[in-house]
Amino acid sequence: MGRVRRQNFFNTFGAALKFITFWIMVVIQLPIIFILPRGAVSVRYMSFFMRILLVLAGIKIRIHGKISSHRPLLVISNHISIFEIATFPVAFGGSFIAKKEMESWPLVGWVARKFGVVFIDRRPSHAVDALTQVQQTLANVSYPIFLFPEGTTTNGAYVKPFKSTLFNFVENSNVVVQPMVMNYRFRDGTPISDADMAEHFAYFNNSNQDMGPTCSRERSAFGQVFHIMMLGGFMVELTVLPPPPLVGLDRKQIAETLQKTVSDKYMELKNKHAK
């Protein structure tokens, strides 16, 4: 039965070495990323780049089901921490739709742009421009695009309602939307309690949570990476579900249908493994 690794000097020292190694690898690869053309080539390279982080952080991936071969394809999932940004490209290839604020993050925003991430401004006044940008991207890429419709990460105790504005471009289009459910486990596959998930493995702001436990210490993104390295990692279990019929539904109905599909399956798997 898995449990949270007790923090001590040796775990901390080991995590420090891994964290330094990761940044050395980033610096080494920056010239490569700089010369890569933005597009399919750089998106494929992202899976290699992210695999380095997963290995150093001790993240294992287990996949159930298959991604659709249809294009354009939008894959939607619940969102627990920053590690989804690494695990999804490694597991399936592809890139992301992300909030506009991330584009201004030092280094991260530049690397993300090179890796094909589409940044959208979710303010109503910019909805038309965001819709056009997403439609153009989906129509011209041969890989899946991932979206987190909750709009934020959670403590892992539940799935938040999906933001319907993110599905404006799905109405009356040929975009196939495939739901995926993402669960965290200990590395041996055993369940993580809600309390341990919130305190150690999830990455979120306490103020954004509607239910479930909170964390006693909110960490920065890189602080969370270091913490997971210190804990020895975990397993990400990805359950890919069949695309539901969405023809004739408006954006609100699409969001509600997909949220219920993901939430029901997430709670089923979470409660099943907790028994």
Protein backbone atom coordinates (compact mmCIF):
# COMPACT_ATOMS: atom_id res chain seq x y z
CA MET A 1 0.00 0.00 0.00
CA GLY A 2 1.43 3.34 -1.04
CA ARG A 3 1.99 6.19 1.37
CA VAL A 4 3.54 9.63 1.35
CA ARG A 5 7.30 9.43 1.68
CA ARG A 6 8.59 10.98 4.90
CA GLN A 7 10.66 14.05 4.16
CA ASN A 8 14.26 13.98 5.40
CA PHE A 9 17.73 15.23 4.49
CA PHE A 10 18.42 12.47 1.97
CA ASN A 11 15.14 13.00 0.09
CA THR A 12 15.69 16.74 0.04
CA PHE A 13 19.29 16.39 -1.16
CA GLY A 14 18.24 13.93 -3.87
CA ALA A 15 15.47 16.26 -5.00
CA ALA A 16 17.93 19.16 -5.16
CA LEU A 17 20.22 17.15 -7.45
CA LYS A 18 17.28 16.22 -9.70
CA PHE A 19 16.03 19.81 -9.79
CA ILE A 20 19.47 21.12 -10.74
CA THR A 21 19.81 18.40 -13.37
CA PHE A 22 16.46 19.38 -14.86
CA TRP A 23 17.51 23.01 -15.24
CA ILE A 24 20.84 22.00 -16.75
CA MET A 25 18.93 19.95 -19.32
CA VAL A 26 16.64 22.92 -20.01
CA VAL A 27 19.60 25.21 -20.63
CA ILE A 28 21.22 22.65 -22.92
CA GLN A 29 18.05 22.31 -24.96
CA LEU A 30 17.20 26.01 -25.28
CA PRO A 31 19.33 26.46 -28.44
CA ILE A 32 17.60 23.44 -29.99
CA ILE A 33 14.15 24.80 -29.10
CA PHE A 34 15.16 28.20 -30.50
CA ILE A 35 16.00 26.86 -33.96
CA LEU A 36 13.03 24.48 -34.19
CA PRO A 37 10.24 25.77 -36.47
CA ARG A 38 6.97 26.21 -34.65
CA GLY A 39 4.64 23.44 -35.76
CA ALA A 40 4.52 19.66 -35.91
CA VAL A 41 8.28 19.27 -35.47
CA SER A 42 8.46 21.35 -32.29
CA VAL A 43 5.31 19.67 -30.94
CA ARG A 44 6.94 16.27 -31.41
CA TYR A 45 10.05 17.52 -29.68
CA MET A 46 7.93 18.60 -26.71
CA SER A 47 7.26 14.96 -25.84
CA PHE A 48 11.03 14.35 -25.56
CA PHE A 49 11.54 17.53 -23.55
CA MET A 50 8.73 16.68 -21.13
CA ARG A 51 9.87 13.09 -20.73
CA ILE A 52 13.04 14.37 -19.07
CA LEU A 53 10.94 16.11 -16.41
CA LEU A 54 8.81 13.02 -15.84
CA VAL A 55 11.84 10.77 -15.39
CA LEU A 56 13.50 13.15 -12.92
CA ALA A 57 10.25 13.70 -11.02
CA GLY A 58 9.46 9.98 -10.84
CA ILE A 59 6.17 10.22 -12.75
CA LYS A 60 4.75 7.00 -14.17
CA ILE A 61 1.95 6.91 -16.78
CA ARG A 62 -0.75 4.26 -17.18
CA ILE A 63 -3.15 4.55 -20.12
CA HIS A 64 -6.57 2.96 -20.64
CA GLY A 65 -8.28 3.42 -24.02
CA LYS A 66 -7.14 5.12 -27.22
CA ILE A 67 -7.16 8.62 -28.61
CA SER A 68 -9.38 9.01 -31.69
CA SER A 69 -7.68 9.18 -35.08
CA HIS A 70 -10.17 11.82 -36.24
CA ARG A 71 -8.86 15.32 -36.93
CA PRO A 72 -9.51 17.99 -35.83
CA LEU A 73 -9.57 16.50 -32.34
CA LEU A 74 -10.01 18.29 -29.04
CA VAL A 75 -9.25 16.18 -25.96
CA ILE A 76 -10.67 17.52 -22.69
CA SER A 77 -9.72 16.43 -19.19
CA ASN A 78 -9.96 17.31 -15.53
CA HIS A 79 -6.99 19.21 -14.15
CA ILE A 80 -5.17 18.57 -10.85
CA SER A 81 -1.66 19.98 -11.24
CA ILE A 82 1.04 21.26 -13.57
CA PHE A 83 2.20 17.72 -14.40
CA GLU A 84 -0.61 17.22 -16.92
CA ILE A 85 1.31 19.62 -19.14
CA ALA A 86 4.12 17.06 -19.22
CA THR A 87 2.24 13.75 -19.13
CA PHE A 88 -0.24 14.38 -21.97
CA PRO A 89 2.37 15.17 -24.67
CA VAL A 90 4.47 12.19 -23.58
CA ALA A 91 1.46 9.85 -23.62
CA PHE A 92 -0.22 11.05 -26.82
CA GLY A 93 1.74 13.82 -28.51
CA GLY A 94 -0.11 17.05 -29.27
CA SER A 95 -0.29 20.46 -27.65
CA PHE A 96 -2.59 22.61 -25.51
CA ILE A 97 -5.04 25.48 -25.29
CA ALA A 98 -3.97 27.61 -22.33
CA LYS A 99 -5.00 30.85 -20.65
CA LYS A 100 -3.45 34.04 -21.98
CA GLU A 101 -1.71 34.90 -18.69
CA MET A 102 0.74 32.01 -19.14
CA GLU A 103 2.12 33.58 -22.29
CA SER A 104 3.83 36.30 -20.23
CA TRP A 105 5.52 33.88 -17.80
CA PRO A 106 9.33 34.20 -18.07
CA LEU A 107 10.83 31.45 -20.25
CA VAL A 108 7.76 29.22 -19.80
CA GLY A 109 5.64 31.34 -22.13
CA TRP A 110 8.29 31.39 -24.86
CA VAL A 111 8.91 27.64 -24.68
CA ALA A 112 5.16 26.97 -24.69
CA ARG A 113 4.68 29.08 -27.84
CA LYS A 114 7.43 27.12 -29.57
CA PHE A 115 5.70 23.91 -28.53
CA GLY A 116 2.48 24.92 -30.27
CA VAL A 117 0.45 26.01 -27.24
CA VAL A 118 -2.51 28.22 -28.21
CA PHE A 119 -3.03 31.03 -25.71
CA ILE A 120 -6.55 32.42 -25.53
CA ASP A 121 -7.93 35.45 -23.74
CA ARG A 122 -11.04 34.26 -21.91
CA ARG A 123 -12.45 37.74 -21.33
CA PRO A 124 -15.85 38.16 -23.08
CA SER A 125 -14.55 41.19 -24.99
CA HIS A 126 -11.92 38.99 -26.66
CA ALA A 127 -14.16 35.96 -27.29
CA VAL A 128 -14.37 36.41 -31.07
CA ASP A 129 -10.59 36.65 -31.53
CA ALA A 130 -10.02 33.64 -29.25
CA LEU A 131 -12.62 31.61 -31.15
CA THR A 132 -11.01 32.42 -34.50
CA GLN A 133 -7.55 31.54 -33.23
CA VAL A 134 -8.63 28.14 -31.90
CA GLN A 135 -10.59 27.28 -35.03
CA GLN A 136 -7.63 28.10 -37.26
CA THR A 137 -5.26 26.05 -35.13
CA LEU A 138 -7.48 22.97 -35.00
CA ALA A 139 -8.09 23.13 -38.73
CA ASN A 140 -4.38 23.12 -39.56
CA VAL A 141 -2.75 20.63 -37.20
CA SER A 142 -2.45 16.86 -37.46
CA TYR A 143 -2.12 16.26 -33.73
CA PRO A 144 -4.64 16.40 -30.85
CA ILE A 145 -5.16 19.59 -28.89
CA PHE A 146 -5.76 19.33 -25.13
CA LEU A 147 -8.02 21.60 -23.11
CA PHE A 148 -8.80 21.85 -19.38
CA PRO A 149 -12.39 23.18 -19.32
CA GLU A 150 -12.41 23.72 -15.55
CA GLY A 151 -10.16 26.70 -16.22
CA THR A 152 -8.01 25.95 -13.17
CA THR A 153 -6.55 23.09 -11.17
CA THR A 154 -8.35 21.45 -8.24
CA ASN A 155 -7.53 19.62 -5.04
CA GLY A 156 -8.42 16.31 -6.72
CA ALA A 157 -11.52 15.74 -4.60
CA TYR A 158 -13.97 16.60 -7.39
CA VAL A 159 -14.32 17.99 -10.93
CA LYS A 160 -15.36 21.63 -11.21
CA PRO A 161 -18.03 22.80 -13.68
CA PHE A 162 -16.73 23.33 -17.21
CA LYS A 163 -16.61 26.85 -18.62
CA SER A 164 -19.05 26.87 -21.53
CA THR A 165 -17.34 29.78 -23.33
CA LEU A 166 -14.47 27.43 -24.13
CA PHE A 167 -16.79 25.42 -26.37
CA ASN A 168 -18.01 28.22 -28.63
CA PHE A 169 -15.94 26.84 -31.51
CA VAL A 170 -17.36 23.31 -31.13
CA GLU A 171 -20.94 24.28 -31.99
CA ASN A 172 -21.86 23.35 -35.57
CA SER A 173 -18.29 22.32 -36.39
CA ASN A 174 -16.50 19.16 -37.46
CA VAL A 175 -14.36 19.15 -34.31
CA VAL A 176 -14.54 15.84 -32.43
CA VAL A 177 -14.34 16.28 -28.66
CA GLN A 178 -13.00 13.31 -26.72
CA PRO A 179 -13.22 13.25 -22.91
CA MET A 180 -10.40 11.84 -20.82
CA VAL A 181 -10.30 11.22 -17.08
CA MET A 182 -7.06 11.71 -15.21
CA ASN A 183 -6.41 10.21 -11.76
CA TYR A 184 -3.33 10.34 -9.51
CA ARG A 185 -2.10 7.22 -7.71
CA PHE A 186 0.93 6.29 -5.68
CA ARG A 187 3.61 4.75 -7.87
CA ASP A 188 2.45 1.25 -6.97
CA GLY A 189 -1.06 2.06 -8.24
CA THR A 190 -2.76 2.35 -4.86
CA PRO A 191 -5.09 5.30 -4.17
CA ILE A 192 -4.07 8.63 -2.66
CA SER A 193 -6.41 9.99 -0.01
CA ASP A 194 -8.10 13.35 -0.55
CA ALA A 195 -6.09 14.81 2.34
CA ASP A 196 -2.75 13.62 0.95
CA MET A 197 -3.74 14.67 -2.57
CA ALA A 198 -4.48 18.22 -1.45
CA GLU A 199 -1.47 18.52 0.83
CA HIS A 200 1.17 17.00 -1.44
CA PHE A 201 0.22 16.06 -5.01
CA ALA A 202 -2.33 18.56 -6.31
CA TYR A 203 -1.34 22.10 -7.25
CA PHE A 204 -4.04 24.71 -6.67
CA ASN A 205 -5.13 27.86 -4.88
CA ASN A 206 -7.21 27.25 -1.78
CA SER A 207 -9.51 30.14 -2.71
CA ASN A 208 -10.52 28.41 -5.96
CA GLN A 209 -11.86 25.26 -4.28
CA ASP A 210 -15.57 24.64 -3.79
CA MET A 211 -15.27 21.53 -1.62
CA GLY A 212 -12.82 19.05 -0.16
CA PRO A 213 -9.58 19.62 1.76
CA THR A 214 -7.15 22.47 1.25
CA CYS A 215 -3.39 22.55 1.52
CA SER A 216 -1.58 24.07 4.48
CA ARG A 217 1.10 25.54 2.23
CA GLU A 218 0.51 26.87 -1.27
CA ARG A 219 3.64 26.38 -3.38
CA SER A 220 4.91 28.01 -6.54
CA ALA A 221 4.89 25.94 -9.74
CA PHE A 222 8.61 25.16 -9.45
CA GLY A 223 8.21 24.62 -5.72
CA GLN A 224 5.63 21.94 -6.50
CA VAL A 225 8.00 20.26 -8.96
CA PHE A 226 10.69 20.17 -6.28
CA HIS A 227 8.21 18.81 -3.71
CA ILE A 228 7.18 15.95 -6.01
CA MET A 229 10.82 15.12 -6.66
CA MET A 230 11.33 14.97 -2.91
CA LEU A 231 8.34 12.63 -2.54
CA GLY A 232 9.65 10.31 -5.25
CA GLY A 233 6.86 10.95 -7.76
CA PHE A 234 3.50 9.29 -8.40
CA MET A 235 1.45 7.60 -11.12
CA VAL A 236 -0.83 9.40 -13.57
CA GLU A 237 -3.65 7.14 -14.74
CA LEU A 238 -5.32 8.27 -17.98
CA THR A 239 -8.68 6.80 -18.95
CA VAL A 240 -9.68 7.78 -22.49
CA LEU A 241 -13.45 7.69 -23.09
CA PRO A 242 -15.37 7.52 -26.39
CA PRO A 243 -16.39 10.86 -27.92
CA PRO A 244 -20.02 11.54 -26.95
CA PRO A 245 -22.60 12.71 -29.54
CA LEU A 246 -22.67 16.52 -29.39
CA VAL A 247 -24.44 17.36 -32.67
CA GLY A 248 -27.25 19.84 -32.15
CA LEU A 249 -26.10 20.91 -28.68
CA ASP A 250 -25.21 24.49 -27.86
CA ARG A 251 -22.04 25.41 -25.96
CA LYS A 252 -23.71 25.23 -22.53
CA GLN A 253 -25.18 21.81 -23.21
CA ILE A 254 -21.82 20.63 -24.57
CA ALA A 255 -20.04 21.83 -21.42
CA GLU A 256 -22.61 20.18 -19.14
CA THR A 257 -22.55 16.90 -21.07
CA LEU A 258 -18.76 16.67 -21.05
CA GLN A 259 -18.46 17.73 -17.40
CA LYS A 260 -20.92 15.06 -16.30
CA THR A 261 -19.10 12.42 -18.35
CA VAL A 262 -15.71 13.28 -16.88
CA SER A 263 -16.95 13.89 -13.33
CA ASP A 264 -18.98 10.67 -13.14
CA LYS A 265 -16.08 8.55 -14.40
CA TYR A 266 -13.56 10.35 -12.20
CA MET A 267 -15.61 9.76 -9.05
CA GLU A 268 -16.29 6.15 -10.08
CA LEU A 269 -12.59 5.39 -10.48
CA LYS A 270 -11.63 7.39 -7.42
CA ASN A 271 -14.15 5.64 -5.18
CA LYS A 272 -13.47 2.22 -6.72
CA HIS A 273 -9.76 2.38 -5.98
CA ALA A 274 -10.39 3.82 -2.53
CA LYS A 275 -12.26 0.71 -1.40
